[in-house]
N, C-alpha and C. Protein backbone atom coordinates (compact mmCIF):
# COMPACT_ATOMS: atom_id res chain seq x y z
N TYR A 1 -13.51 18.71 37.49
CA TYR A 1 -12.12 17.57 37.94
C TYR A 1 -11.07 18.02 38.91
N PRO A 2 -10.35 17.21 39.62
CA PRO A 2 -9.68 17.89 40.59
C PRO A 2 -8.72 18.81 40.16
N THR A 3 -8.20 19.82 41.09
CA THR A 3 -7.30 20.98 40.73
C THR A 3 -5.94 20.00 39.79
N GLU A 4 -5.42 18.86 40.85
CA GLU A 4 -4.18 18.22 40.38
C GLU A 4 -4.20 17.99 38.90
N ILE A 5 -5.35 17.38 38.71
CA ILE A 5 -5.46 16.81 37.31
C ILE A 5 -5.28 17.94 36.01
N LYS A 6 -5.92 19.07 36.31
CA LYS A 6 -5.98 20.44 35.23
C LYS A 6 -4.14 20.63 35.50
N GLU A 7 -3.86 21.04 36.54
CA GLU A 7 -2.51 21.24 36.49
C GLU A 7 -1.35 20.18 35.67
N LYS A 8 -1.65 18.72 36.02
CA LYS A 8 -0.96 17.82 35.24
C LYS A 8 -1.07 18.01 33.73
N ALA A 9 -2.47 18.35 33.44
CA ALA A 9 -2.71 18.69 32.02
C ALA A 9 -1.90 19.86 31.40
N ILE A 10 -1.44 20.87 32.48
CA ILE A 10 -1.19 22.01 31.83
C ILE A 10 0.61 21.62 31.81
N GLY A 11 0.88 20.79 32.87
CA GLY A 11 2.27 20.58 32.68
C GLY A 11 3.08 19.93 31.38
N LEU A 12 2.09 18.77 30.75
CA LEU A 12 2.22 18.36 30.06
C LEU A 12 2.33 19.20 28.79
N ARG A 13 1.26 20.05 28.63
CA ARG A 13 1.11 20.92 27.50
C ARG A 13 2.24 21.65 27.26
N LYS A 14 2.74 22.10 28.59
CA LYS A 14 4.05 23.11 28.51
C LYS A 14 4.97 22.15 28.16
N GLN A 15 5.22 20.83 28.56
CA GLN A 15 6.57 20.11 27.89
C GLN A 15 6.40 19.73 26.28
N GLY A 16 5.06 20.41 25.86
CA GLY A 16 5.06 20.15 24.27
C GLY A 16 4.34 19.18 23.85
N TYR A 17 3.20 18.29 24.52
CA TYR A 17 2.29 17.29 24.09
C TYR A 17 1.28 18.18 23.74
N SER A 18 0.80 17.77 22.74
CA SER A 18 -0.43 18.38 21.88
C SER A 18 -1.57 18.15 22.69
N ILE A 19 -2.87 18.94 22.20
CA ILE A 19 -4.04 18.51 23.41
C ILE A 19 -4.49 17.31 23.22
N LYS A 20 -4.55 16.66 22.10
CA LYS A 20 -5.17 15.43 21.93
C LYS A 20 -4.20 14.30 22.55
N GLU A 21 -2.94 14.49 22.57
CA GLU A 21 -2.16 13.69 23.59
C GLU A 21 -2.51 13.89 25.20
N VAL A 22 -2.51 14.83 25.29
CA VAL A 22 -2.87 14.93 26.38
C VAL A 22 -4.15 14.65 27.25
N ALA A 23 -5.46 14.85 26.35
CA ALA A 23 -6.45 14.14 26.63
C ALA A 23 -6.28 12.42 26.83
N LYS A 24 -5.70 12.03 25.80
CA LYS A 24 -5.42 10.36 26.20
C LYS A 24 -4.72 10.13 27.40
N ILE A 25 -3.54 10.90 27.69
CA ILE A 25 -2.90 10.55 28.42
C ILE A 25 -3.56 10.70 30.17
N ILE A 26 -4.32 11.99 30.36
CA ILE A 26 -5.08 11.92 31.23
C ILE A 26 -6.26 11.38 31.62
N GLY A 27 -6.77 10.88 30.37
CA GLY A 27 -8.17 10.47 30.55
C GLY A 27 -9.35 11.13 30.46
N ILE A 28 -9.22 12.57 29.77
CA ILE A 28 -10.26 13.47 29.92
C ILE A 28 -10.98 13.58 28.38
N ALA A 29 -11.74 14.09 28.32
CA ALA A 29 -12.38 14.38 26.56
C ALA A 29 -11.38 15.41 26.05
N LYS A 30 -11.65 15.25 24.73
CA LYS A 30 -10.50 16.27 23.85
C LYS A 30 -10.92 17.62 24.12
N ALA A 31 -12.75 17.68 24.05
CA ALA A 31 -12.96 19.20 24.29
C ALA A 31 -12.42 19.78 25.89
N THR A 32 -12.66 18.86 26.59
CA THR A 32 -12.18 19.77 28.09
C THR A 32 -10.58 20.03 27.88
N SER A 33 -9.78 19.02 27.34
CA SER A 33 -8.49 19.32 27.21
C SER A 33 -8.18 20.71 26.45
N SER A 34 -8.98 20.76 25.38
CA SER A 34 -8.70 21.69 24.56
C SER A 34 -9.23 23.10 25.35
N GLY A 35 -10.26 23.01 26.19
CA GLY A 35 -10.62 23.82 26.99
C GLY A 35 -9.75 24.84 28.05
N TRP A 36 -8.89 23.59 28.67
CA TRP A 36 -8.00 24.09 29.89
C TRP A 36 -6.69 24.78 28.90
N LEU A 37 -6.24 24.43 27.68
CA LEU A 37 -4.96 24.20 27.18
C LEU A 37 -4.53 25.15 26.13
N ARG A 38 -5.78 25.63 25.39
CA ARG A 38 -5.74 26.32 24.07
C ARG A 38 -4.88 27.77 24.40
N ASN A 39 -4.91 28.25 25.34
CA ASN A 39 -4.22 29.63 25.71
C ASN A 39 -3.02 29.45 26.71
N ILE A 40 -2.62 28.22 26.75
CA ILE A 40 -1.25 28.03 27.57
C ILE A 40 -0.18 28.38 26.83
N PRO A 41 0.64 29.22 27.18
CA PRO A 41 1.63 29.64 26.24
C PRO A 41 2.93 28.66 26.39
N LEU A 42 3.38 28.41 25.21
CA LEU A 42 4.71 27.32 25.17
C LEU A 42 6.04 27.98 24.95
N ARG A 43 6.89 27.36 25.70
CA ARG A 43 8.58 27.58 25.74
C ARG A 43 8.79 27.07 24.11
N PRO A 44 9.94 27.55 23.48
CA PRO A 44 10.57 27.12 22.44
C PRO A 44 10.94 25.91 22.18
N ILE A 45 11.35 25.31 23.58
CA ILE A 45 11.38 23.72 23.54
C ILE A 45 10.51 22.75 22.95
N ALA A 46 9.31 23.44 23.76
CA ALA A 46 7.87 22.82 23.55
C ALA A 46 7.20 22.93 22.42
N ILE A 47 7.66 23.89 21.71
CA ILE A 47 7.21 24.11 20.27
C ILE A 47 7.71 23.27 19.04
N ARG A 48 8.99 23.14 19.80
CA ARG A 48 9.96 22.23 18.54
C ARG A 48 9.31 20.61 18.98
N ARG A 49 8.80 20.32 19.89
CA ARG A 49 8.55 19.05 20.33
C ARG A 49 7.01 18.67 19.52
N LEU A 50 6.42 19.86 19.49
CA LEU A 50 5.08 19.89 18.65
C LEU A 50 5.35 20.02 17.32
N GLN A 51 6.36 20.31 16.89
CA GLN A 51 6.50 20.31 15.29
C GLN A 51 7.16 19.26 14.69
N ASP A 52 7.69 18.31 15.95
CA ASP A 52 8.34 17.17 15.48
C ASP A 52 7.30 16.31 15.46
N ARG A 53 6.38 16.34 16.46
CA ARG A 53 5.20 15.35 16.48
C ARG A 53 4.31 15.51 15.37
N ARG A 54 4.18 16.93 15.15
CA ARG A 54 3.62 16.71 13.74
C ARG A 54 4.39 15.84 12.54
N ILE A 55 5.43 16.53 12.55
CA ILE A 55 6.10 15.98 11.27
C ILE A 55 6.02 14.17 11.35
N TYR A 56 6.17 14.05 12.51
CA TYR A 56 5.91 12.27 12.81
C TYR A 56 4.82 11.89 12.42
N GLY A 57 3.50 12.35 13.14
CA GLY A 57 2.21 12.40 12.31
C GLY A 57 2.46 12.06 11.01
N GLN A 58 2.69 13.23 10.36
CA GLN A 58 2.48 13.38 8.63
C GLN A 58 2.99 12.01 8.35
N GLU A 59 4.30 12.01 8.43
CA GLU A 59 4.88 10.80 8.25
C GLU A 59 4.45 9.35 8.23
N LYS A 60 3.89 9.15 9.53
CA LYS A 60 3.21 8.06 9.90
C LYS A 60 1.95 7.82 9.22
N ALA A 61 1.11 9.08 8.69
CA ALA A 61 -0.22 9.15 8.13
C ALA A 61 0.23 8.58 6.65
N ARG A 62 1.14 9.21 6.21
CA ARG A 62 2.03 9.04 4.90
C ARG A 62 2.21 7.55 4.46
N GLN A 63 3.03 6.89 5.52
CA GLN A 63 3.30 5.63 5.65
C GLN A 63 1.94 4.93 5.49
N ILE A 64 0.98 4.78 6.15
CA ILE A 64 -0.30 4.10 6.12
C ILE A 64 -1.24 3.94 5.18
N ALA A 65 -1.29 5.48 4.49
CA ALA A 65 -1.80 5.55 2.80
C ALA A 65 -0.73 4.82 1.86
N LEU A 66 0.30 4.76 1.88
CA LEU A 66 0.83 3.94 1.03
C LEU A 66 0.78 2.36 1.21
N ASN A 67 0.93 1.96 2.67
CA ASN A 67 0.46 0.31 2.90
C ASN A 67 -1.09 0.06 2.27
N LYS A 68 -1.73 1.26 2.34
CA LYS A 68 -3.24 0.65 1.86
C LYS A 68 -2.89 0.83 0.45
N SER A 69 -2.50 1.65 -0.36
CA SER A 69 -2.50 2.02 -1.83
C SER A 69 -1.61 0.46 -2.23
N LYS A 70 -0.89 -0.05 -1.60
CA LYS A 70 0.11 -1.33 -2.02
C LYS A 70 -0.93 -2.46 -1.91
N PHE A 71 -1.45 -2.54 -0.72
CA PHE A 71 -2.36 -3.57 -0.78
C PHE A 71 -3.57 -3.45 -1.52
N ARG A 72 -4.21 -2.49 -1.86
CA ARG A 72 -5.29 -2.04 -3.01
C ARG A 72 -4.66 -2.58 -4.38
N GLU A 73 -3.64 -2.51 -4.39
CA GLU A 73 -2.98 -2.71 -5.90
C GLU A 73 -2.49 -4.01 -5.84
N ALA A 74 -2.05 -4.93 -4.81
CA ALA A 74 -1.88 -6.22 -4.68
C ALA A 74 -3.18 -6.76 -5.08
N LYS A 75 -4.17 -6.45 -4.55
CA LYS A 75 -5.63 -7.03 -4.53
C LYS A 75 -6.18 -7.01 -6.03
N ARG A 76 -5.76 -5.82 -6.55
CA ARG A 76 -6.12 -5.76 -8.21
C ARG A 76 -5.29 -6.67 -9.09
N ILE A 77 -4.10 -6.95 -8.56
CA ILE A 77 -3.14 -7.98 -9.73
C ILE A 77 -3.87 -9.09 -9.06
N ASP A 78 -4.07 -9.76 -8.25
CA ASP A 78 -4.54 -11.07 -8.06
C ASP A 78 -5.80 -11.30 -8.35
N GLU A 79 -6.85 -10.18 -8.49
CA GLU A 79 -8.17 -10.29 -9.17
C GLU A 79 -7.54 -10.43 -10.49
N ALA A 80 -6.62 -9.82 -11.26
CA ALA A 80 -6.49 -9.89 -12.44
C ALA A 80 -5.78 -10.93 -13.12
N ARG A 81 -5.11 -11.68 -11.84
CA ARG A 81 -4.46 -13.03 -12.39
C ARG A 81 -5.58 -14.00 -12.42
N LYS A 82 -6.67 -14.03 -11.48
CA LYS A 82 -7.36 -15.03 -11.58
C LYS A 82 -8.58 -14.98 -12.65
N LEU A 83 -8.72 -13.89 -13.21
CA LEU A 83 -9.40 -13.25 -14.49
C LEU A 83 -8.73 -14.02 -15.55
N ILE A 84 -7.27 -13.93 -15.85
CA ILE A 84 -6.49 -14.03 -16.93
C ILE A 84 -6.43 -15.79 -16.98
N ALA A 85 -6.38 -16.22 -15.39
CA ALA A 85 -6.29 -17.80 -15.34
C ALA A 85 -7.36 -18.36 -16.03
N LYS A 86 -8.54 -17.79 -16.41
CA LYS A 86 -9.80 -18.40 -16.96
C LYS A 86 -9.81 -18.51 -18.61
N ILE A 87 -8.73 -17.75 -18.93
CA ILE A 87 -8.54 -17.78 -20.52
C ILE A 87 -7.68 -18.54 -21.07
N PRO A 88 -8.15 -19.68 -22.15
CA PRO A 88 -7.22 -20.82 -22.41
C PRO A 88 -6.02 -20.30 -23.08
N LYS A 89 -4.76 -20.85 -22.60
CA LYS A 89 -3.51 -20.45 -23.53
C LYS A 89 -3.44 -21.25 -24.81
N ASN A 90 -4.27 -20.81 -25.92
CA ASN A 90 -3.77 -21.72 -27.19
C ASN A 90 -3.74 -20.50 -28.16
N LYS A 91 -3.80 -21.23 -29.52
CA LYS A 91 -3.14 -20.57 -30.72
C LYS A 91 -4.58 -19.47 -31.03
N ASP A 92 -5.31 -19.62 -30.52
CA ASP A 92 -6.83 -18.82 -30.94
C ASP A 92 -6.51 -17.24 -29.87
N THR A 93 -6.16 -17.86 -28.84
CA THR A 93 -5.80 -16.89 -27.90
C THR A 93 -4.65 -15.70 -28.34
N TYR A 94 -3.71 -16.44 -28.51
CA TYR A 94 -2.42 -15.49 -28.90
C TYR A 94 -2.69 -14.80 -30.29
N ILE A 95 -3.60 -15.39 -31.10
CA ILE A 95 -3.83 -14.74 -32.18
C ILE A 95 -4.49 -13.49 -32.42
N LEU A 96 -5.61 -13.58 -31.23
CA LEU A 96 -6.02 -12.60 -30.76
C LEU A 96 -5.46 -11.35 -29.87
N ILE A 97 -4.42 -11.63 -29.49
CA ILE A 97 -3.59 -10.98 -28.51
C ILE A 97 -3.02 -10.10 -29.67
N ALA A 98 -2.13 -10.81 -30.52
CA ALA A 98 -1.78 -9.94 -31.83
C ALA A 98 -2.33 -9.21 -32.64
N ALA A 99 -3.79 -9.62 -32.78
CA ALA A 99 -4.50 -8.80 -33.40
C ALA A 99 -5.00 -7.29 -32.59
N LEU A 100 -5.24 -7.50 -31.30
CA LEU A 100 -5.18 -6.35 -30.50
C LEU A 100 -4.14 -5.41 -30.75
N LEU A 101 -2.81 -5.99 -30.20
CA LEU A 101 -1.54 -5.10 -30.25
C LEU A 101 -1.29 -4.54 -31.44
N PHE A 102 -1.59 -5.39 -32.95
CA PHE A 102 -1.28 -4.75 -34.34
C PHE A 102 -2.43 -3.69 -34.59
N TRP A 103 -3.53 -3.61 -33.80
CA TRP A 103 -4.56 -2.70 -34.16
C TRP A 103 -3.90 -1.41 -33.12
N THR A 104 -3.62 -1.58 -32.22
CA THR A 104 -2.95 -0.16 -31.67
C THR A 104 -1.79 0.16 -32.36
N GLU A 105 -0.43 -0.92 -32.68
CA GLU A 105 0.82 0.24 -32.81
C GLU A 105 1.06 -0.58 -34.29
N GLY A 106 0.37 -1.03 -35.06
CA GLY A 106 0.67 -1.60 -36.25
C GLY A 106 0.01 -0.96 -37.56
N SER A 107 1.11 -0.82 -38.63
CA SER A 107 0.69 -0.42 -39.86
C SER A 107 -1.08 -0.82 -40.37
N LYS A 108 -1.60 0.13 -40.84
CA LYS A 108 -2.67 -0.54 -41.49
C LYS A 108 -2.75 -0.56 -42.98
N ASP A 109 -1.69 -0.48 -43.64
CA ASP A 109 -1.59 -0.69 -45.01
C ASP A 109 -1.61 -2.23 -45.32
N GLN A 110 -2.48 -2.61 -45.98
CA GLN A 110 -2.77 -3.77 -46.12
C GLN A 110 -1.90 -4.39 -47.08
N ASP A 111 -1.54 -3.49 -48.16
CA ASP A 111 -0.80 -4.14 -49.32
C ASP A 111 0.62 -4.18 -48.76
N LYS A 112 1.01 -3.85 -48.01
CA LYS A 112 2.59 -4.12 -47.55
C LYS A 112 2.56 -5.23 -46.33
N SER A 113 3.92 -5.73 -46.21
CA SER A 113 4.08 -6.60 -45.26
C SER A 113 3.50 -5.97 -43.73
N LEU A 114 4.06 -6.77 -42.86
CA LEU A 114 3.23 -6.42 -41.15
C LEU A 114 4.34 -5.44 -40.71
N ARG A 115 3.74 -4.74 -40.28
CA ARG A 115 4.73 -3.81 -39.47
C ARG A 115 4.18 -3.26 -38.09
N PHE A 116 4.95 -3.29 -36.90
CA PHE A 116 4.60 -3.06 -35.80
C PHE A 116 5.97 -2.25 -34.95
N ALA A 117 5.57 -1.20 -34.51
CA ALA A 117 6.52 -0.50 -33.49
C ALA A 117 5.95 -0.03 -32.47
N ASN A 118 7.20 -0.24 -31.58
CA ASN A 118 6.93 0.25 -30.17
C ASN A 118 7.94 0.45 -29.48
N SER A 119 7.98 1.21 -28.19
CA SER A 119 9.41 1.52 -27.32
C SER A 119 9.27 0.74 -26.03
N ASP A 120 8.03 -0.06 -25.95
CA ASP A 120 7.64 -0.87 -24.43
C ASP A 120 8.43 -2.37 -24.77
N PRO A 121 9.44 -2.61 -24.11
CA PRO A 121 10.10 -4.06 -24.59
C PRO A 121 9.06 -5.01 -23.74
N LYS A 122 8.04 -4.92 -22.84
CA LYS A 122 7.18 -5.80 -22.77
C LYS A 122 6.13 -6.21 -23.83
N MET A 123 5.67 -5.03 -24.19
CA MET A 123 4.62 -4.96 -25.20
C MET A 123 5.36 -5.66 -26.46
N VAL A 124 6.32 -5.08 -26.74
CA VAL A 124 7.13 -5.85 -28.13
C VAL A 124 7.09 -7.52 -28.08
N LYS A 125 7.80 -7.58 -27.01
CA LYS A 125 7.77 -9.08 -26.41
C LYS A 125 6.63 -10.16 -26.49
N LEU A 126 5.56 -9.31 -25.94
CA LEU A 126 4.28 -10.15 -26.07
C LEU A 126 4.11 -10.06 -27.52
N PHE A 127 4.07 -9.38 -28.35
CA PHE A 127 3.60 -9.41 -29.76
C PHE A 127 4.52 -10.38 -30.50
N ILE A 128 5.50 -10.40 -30.22
CA ILE A 128 6.55 -11.65 -30.83
C ILE A 128 5.92 -12.64 -30.65
N THR A 129 5.93 -13.01 -29.10
CA THR A 129 5.54 -14.14 -28.67
C THR A 129 4.04 -14.67 -29.26
N SER A 130 3.07 -13.68 -29.15
CA SER A 130 1.76 -13.82 -29.81
C SER A 130 1.55 -14.53 -31.27
N LEU A 131 2.80 -14.14 -32.15
CA LEU A 131 3.12 -14.35 -33.57
C LEU A 131 3.48 -15.80 -33.23
N LYS A 132 4.71 -16.19 -32.55
CA LYS A 132 5.32 -17.50 -32.75
C LYS A 132 4.18 -18.70 -32.50
N GLU A 133 3.49 -18.06 -31.36
CA GLU A 133 2.81 -19.09 -30.43
C GLU A 133 1.23 -19.37 -31.24
N SER A 134 0.78 -18.62 -32.46
CA SER A 134 -0.22 -18.77 -33.24
C SER A 134 -0.56 -19.33 -34.35
N GLN A 135 0.84 -19.46 -35.16
CA GLN A 135 0.93 -20.20 -36.61
C GLN A 135 2.29 -20.39 -36.75
N ASP A 136 2.41 -20.97 -38.14
CA ASP A 136 3.73 -21.62 -38.44
C ASP A 136 4.72 -20.44 -38.72
N PHE A 137 5.88 -19.93 -37.78
CA PHE A 137 6.17 -18.55 -37.69
C PHE A 137 7.71 -18.93 -38.16
N HIS A 138 8.17 -18.14 -38.87
CA HIS A 138 9.53 -18.39 -39.62
C HIS A 138 10.82 -16.68 -39.28
N TRP A 139 11.50 -16.87 -38.62
CA TRP A 139 12.18 -16.05 -37.86
C TRP A 139 13.19 -15.56 -39.52
N HIS A 140 13.18 -16.29 -40.65
CA HIS A 140 13.91 -15.74 -41.74
C HIS A 140 12.95 -14.51 -42.56
N LYS A 141 11.33 -14.58 -42.03
CA LYS A 141 10.51 -13.67 -42.41
C LYS A 141 10.68 -12.05 -41.75
N LEU A 142 11.23 -12.49 -40.95
CA LEU A 142 11.46 -11.15 -39.70
C LEU A 142 12.65 -10.49 -39.41
N LYS A 143 12.43 -8.97 -39.92
CA LYS A 143 13.50 -7.92 -39.75
C LYS A 143 13.07 -7.04 -38.71
N ALA A 144 14.34 -6.39 -37.98
CA ALA A 144 13.74 -5.25 -36.98
C ALA A 144 14.56 -3.99 -37.56
N LYS A 145 14.32 -2.82 -37.09
CA LYS A 145 15.01 -1.86 -37.27
C LYS A 145 14.45 -0.78 -35.79
N LEU A 146 15.86 -0.49 -35.46
CA LEU A 146 15.81 0.68 -34.36
C LEU A 146 15.62 1.80 -34.56
N HIS A 147 14.83 2.57 -33.82
CA HIS A 147 14.96 4.31 -34.00
C HIS A 147 15.50 4.50 -32.46
N LEU A 148 16.85 5.58 -32.93
CA LEU A 148 17.52 5.46 -31.75
C LEU A 148 17.80 6.95 -31.69
N HIS A 149 17.94 7.69 -30.74
CA HIS A 149 18.86 9.05 -30.45
C HIS A 149 20.26 9.37 -30.56
N ASN A 150 20.47 10.39 -30.57
CA ASN A 150 22.05 10.17 -30.43
C ASN A 150 22.73 10.00 -29.51
N TYR A 151 22.17 10.06 -28.49
CA TYR A 151 22.87 9.54 -26.95
C TYR A 151 23.07 7.69 -26.98
N HIS A 152 21.89 7.20 -27.60
CA HIS A 152 22.09 5.61 -27.64
C HIS A 152 23.45 5.13 -28.53
N ASP A 153 23.88 3.99 -27.84
CA ASP A 153 24.91 3.09 -28.62
C ASP A 153 24.31 2.23 -29.38
N PRO A 154 24.28 2.08 -30.71
CA PRO A 154 23.58 1.49 -31.48
C PRO A 154 23.64 -0.27 -31.51
N ALA A 155 25.01 -0.57 -30.89
CA ALA A 155 25.65 -1.90 -30.63
C ALA A 155 25.02 -2.14 -29.10
N LYS A 156 24.72 -1.51 -28.36
CA LYS A 156 24.35 -1.94 -26.90
C LYS A 156 22.68 -2.09 -27.26
N GLN A 157 22.15 -1.32 -27.76
CA GLN A 157 20.58 -0.95 -28.07
C GLN A 157 20.22 -2.47 -28.93
N THR A 158 21.05 -2.87 -29.62
CA THR A 158 20.62 -3.91 -30.80
C THR A 158 20.85 -4.98 -29.87
N GLU A 159 21.75 -5.25 -29.27
CA GLU A 159 22.05 -6.61 -27.78
C GLU A 159 20.62 -6.31 -27.34
N PHE A 160 20.33 -5.63 -26.53
CA PHE A 160 19.42 -5.03 -25.45
C PHE A 160 17.93 -5.81 -25.82
N TRP A 161 17.90 -5.32 -27.13
CA TRP A 161 16.45 -5.48 -27.94
C TRP A 161 16.54 -6.95 -28.33
N SER A 162 17.62 -7.54 -28.72
CA SER A 162 17.63 -8.98 -29.19
C SER A 162 17.62 -9.69 -28.04
N LYS A 163 17.90 -9.64 -26.90
CA LYS A 163 17.68 -10.44 -25.52
C LYS A 163 16.12 -10.40 -25.17
N ILE A 164 15.71 -9.27 -25.35
CA ILE A 164 14.29 -8.90 -24.87
C ILE A 164 13.19 -9.75 -25.93
N THR A 165 13.63 -9.68 -26.97
CA THR A 165 12.57 -10.39 -28.13
C THR A 165 13.06 -11.89 -28.70
N GLY A 166 14.05 -12.08 -28.45
CA GLY A 166 14.51 -13.34 -29.19
C GLY A 166 14.96 -13.00 -30.64
N ILE A 167 15.07 -11.98 -31.09
CA ILE A 167 15.34 -11.79 -32.71
C ILE A 167 16.99 -11.92 -32.42
N PRO A 168 17.26 -12.87 -33.67
CA PRO A 168 18.58 -12.70 -33.87
C PRO A 168 19.29 -11.22 -34.18
N GLU A 169 20.57 -10.96 -33.61
CA GLU A 169 21.01 -9.62 -33.87
C GLU A 169 21.22 -9.35 -35.63
N VAL A 170 21.51 -10.54 -36.22
CA VAL A 170 21.50 -10.73 -37.79
C VAL A 170 20.41 -10.10 -38.24
N ASN A 171 19.15 -10.28 -37.61
CA ASN A 171 17.87 -10.11 -38.20
C ASN A 171 17.75 -8.33 -38.14
N PHE A 172 18.68 -7.49 -37.35
CA PHE A 172 18.54 -6.37 -37.21
C PHE A 172 19.04 -5.29 -38.33
N LEU A 173 18.33 -4.41 -38.72
CA LEU A 173 19.08 -3.53 -39.91
C LEU A 173 19.50 -2.41 -39.24
N VAL A 174 19.93 -1.73 -40.22
CA VAL A 174 20.90 -0.33 -39.72
C VAL A 174 19.70 0.51 -39.00
N PRO A 175 20.36 0.79 -37.82
CA PRO A 175 19.65 1.78 -36.96
C PRO A 175 19.07 2.99 -37.68
N TYR A 176 17.94 3.37 -37.59
CA TYR A 176 17.82 5.09 -38.06
C TYR A 176 17.81 5.90 -36.79
N HIS A 177 18.84 6.81 -37.14
CA HIS A 177 19.21 7.59 -35.77
C HIS A 177 17.92 9.01 -35.87
N LYS A 178 17.30 9.41 -35.26
CA LYS A 178 16.48 10.51 -35.14
C LYS A 178 17.25 11.79 -34.92
N PRO A 179 16.76 12.76 -35.93
CA PRO A 179 17.66 14.03 -36.04
C PRO A 179 17.74 14.48 -34.41
N HIS A 180 18.96 15.07 -34.08
CA HIS A 180 18.90 15.87 -32.94
C HIS A 180 18.10 17.27 -32.69
N THR A 181 17.41 17.12 -31.64
CA THR A 181 16.17 17.93 -31.49
C THR A 181 16.46 18.73 -30.15
N ALA A 182 17.52 18.74 -29.73
CA ALA A 182 18.16 19.34 -28.15
C ALA A 182 17.24 18.58 -27.03
N ILE A 183 16.59 17.36 -27.63
CA ILE A 183 15.64 17.03 -26.29
C ILE A 183 16.73 16.46 -25.11
N ARG A 184 16.24 16.65 -23.96
CA ARG A 184 17.21 16.02 -23.05
C ARG A 184 17.19 14.35 -22.98
N LYS A 185 18.21 14.14 -22.31
CA LYS A 185 18.23 12.60 -22.40
C LYS A 185 17.22 11.96 -21.29
N ARG A 186 16.36 10.71 -22.30
CA ARG A 186 15.49 10.45 -21.33
C ARG A 186 16.06 8.64 -20.76
N ASP A 187 16.48 9.03 -19.50
CA ASP A 187 17.13 7.70 -18.75
C ASP A 187 16.18 6.63 -18.84
N GLY A 188 16.77 5.29 -19.16
CA GLY A 188 16.14 4.37 -19.21
C GLY A 188 15.48 4.29 -20.62
N TYR A 189 15.61 5.11 -21.36
CA TYR A 189 14.62 5.00 -22.79
C TYR A 189 15.33 3.90 -23.64
N PRO A 190 14.95 2.99 -24.09
CA PRO A 190 15.78 1.99 -25.01
C PRO A 190 15.42 2.39 -26.48
N GLY A 191 15.02 3.26 -26.78
CA GLY A 191 14.61 3.38 -28.40
C GLY A 191 13.44 2.74 -28.50
N CYS A 192 12.82 2.96 -30.01
CA CYS A 192 11.84 2.41 -30.13
C CYS A 192 12.23 1.18 -31.73
N ILE A 193 11.34 0.27 -31.42
CA ILE A 193 12.06 -0.89 -32.18
C ILE A 193 10.92 -1.08 -33.11
N ALA A 194 11.10 -1.33 -34.55
CA ALA A 194 9.99 -1.60 -35.71
C ALA A 194 10.24 -3.03 -36.15
N ILE A 195 9.02 -3.78 -36.31
CA ILE A 195 9.16 -5.34 -36.47
C ILE A 195 8.78 -5.29 -37.66
N TYR A 196 9.19 -5.92 -38.55
CA TYR A 196 8.62 -6.25 -40.11
C TYR A 196 8.82 -7.90 -40.18
N TYR A 197 7.34 -8.02 -40.63
CA TYR A 197 7.28 -9.35 -40.89
C TYR A 197 6.71 -9.82 -42.04
N HIS A 198 7.38 -10.37 -43.00
CA HIS A 198 7.17 -10.37 -44.51
C HIS A 198 6.00 -11.54 -45.11
N ASP A 199 4.85 -11.03 -44.46
CA ASP A 199 3.63 -12.05 -45.13
C ASP A 199 2.53 -11.11 -45.31
N ASN A 200 2.14 -10.70 -46.26
CA ASN A 200 1.05 -9.76 -46.35
C ASN A 200 -0.29 -10.43 -45.94
N ASN A 201 -0.53 -12.10 -45.99
CA ASN A 201 -1.55 -12.72 -45.39
C ASN A 201 -1.53 -12.69 -44.14
N LEU A 202 -0.60 -12.56 -43.57
CA LEU A 202 -0.71 -12.24 -41.88
C LEU A 202 -1.27 -10.63 -41.71
N ASN A 203 -0.87 -9.99 -42.22
CA ASN A 203 -1.15 -8.36 -42.05
C ASN A 203 -2.87 -8.55 -42.36
N ARG A 204 -3.17 -9.11 -43.01
CA ARG A 204 -4.71 -8.90 -43.65
C ARG A 204 -5.64 -9.71 -42.69
N ARG A 205 -5.01 -10.66 -42.13
CA ARG A 205 -5.44 -11.57 -40.95
C ARG A 205 -5.61 -10.97 -39.57
N LEU A 206 -4.60 -10.33 -39.24
CA LEU A 206 -4.89 -9.54 -38.13
C LEU A 206 -5.57 -8.15 -37.97
N SER A 207 -5.84 -7.80 -39.68
CA SER A 207 -6.81 -6.53 -39.62
C SER A 207 -7.97 -6.87 -39.81
N ALA A 208 -8.37 -8.07 -40.13
CA ALA A 208 -9.69 -8.93 -40.13
C ALA A 208 -10.11 -9.02 -38.65
N LEU A 209 -9.13 -9.70 -37.86
CA LEU A 209 -9.61 -9.98 -36.46
C LEU A 209 -9.89 -8.90 -35.90
N TYR A 210 -9.50 -7.70 -35.75
CA TYR A 210 -9.45 -6.78 -34.96
C TYR A 210 -10.93 -5.87 -35.70
N LYS A 211 -11.34 -5.96 -36.88
CA LYS A 211 -12.21 -5.59 -37.20
C LYS A 211 -13.32 -6.30 -36.13
N ALA A 212 -13.72 -7.42 -36.73
CA ALA A 212 -14.37 -8.48 -36.44
C ALA A 212 -14.50 -8.34 -34.52
N ILE A 213 -13.53 -8.05 -33.82
CA ILE A 213 -13.77 -7.79 -32.33
C ILE A 213 -14.44 -6.32 -32.36
N ILE A 214 -14.25 -5.46 -33.11
CA ILE A 214 -14.75 -4.04 -33.14
C ILE A 214 -16.49 -4.21 -33.30
N GLU A 215 -16.75 -4.96 -34.25
CA GLU A 215 -18.21 -5.37 -34.75
C GLU A 215 -18.83 -6.16 -33.50
N LYS A 216 -18.04 -6.94 -33.06
CA LYS A 216 -18.63 -7.86 -31.61
C LYS A 216 -18.92 -6.99 -30.40
N TYR A 217 -17.77 -6.23 -30.02
CA TYR A 217 -17.71 -6.09 -28.68
C TYR A 217 -17.87 -4.22 -28.59
N ALA A 218 -17.59 -3.70 -29.77
CA ALA A 218 -17.68 -2.16 -29.39
C ALA A 218 -19.27 -1.64 -29.65
């Protein structure tokens, strides 16, 4: 290469351009740029520029990775919605959903009324919806009991869960307050709700359904 090309490369390096940047600007191979510039001493201002460029590059790489992750998640959600769209929205589907949720978070004592407990508002709402949509549902058979920490406001949490689930506030029993264990406050934690539906037959039916699911698919 002509001497002026090498001198220009050295000049850019001293200004704080990376070896890769110099190769791209000058139009030479990265290996050639490295051979010319790896031993060039840099002034503090040039070092600061390189440090800033490195931070910029790291941030850019992080943003690219984040965008790729968001794209993959959006794709997964789209595929999931297409799969769910194939499943009929009828009483049979709702009762199977109720059975699977009951299997994971319900009481297995078949001699008592149905009991389901969880702290995830969306899961609880889905369980209530699945009961309402799958059979002859009666609100007077349903009671709810909140399990709260000492930092919860019972009235506020009752209102919250009533709006989420559609359960009338009059159907809520006196909340149970967990003993103080010096646990730090969990921001956004709404407490746990226990659902009681006084129907032994429904309890046994859901139990039979999830056992049948196990026999067929497990």
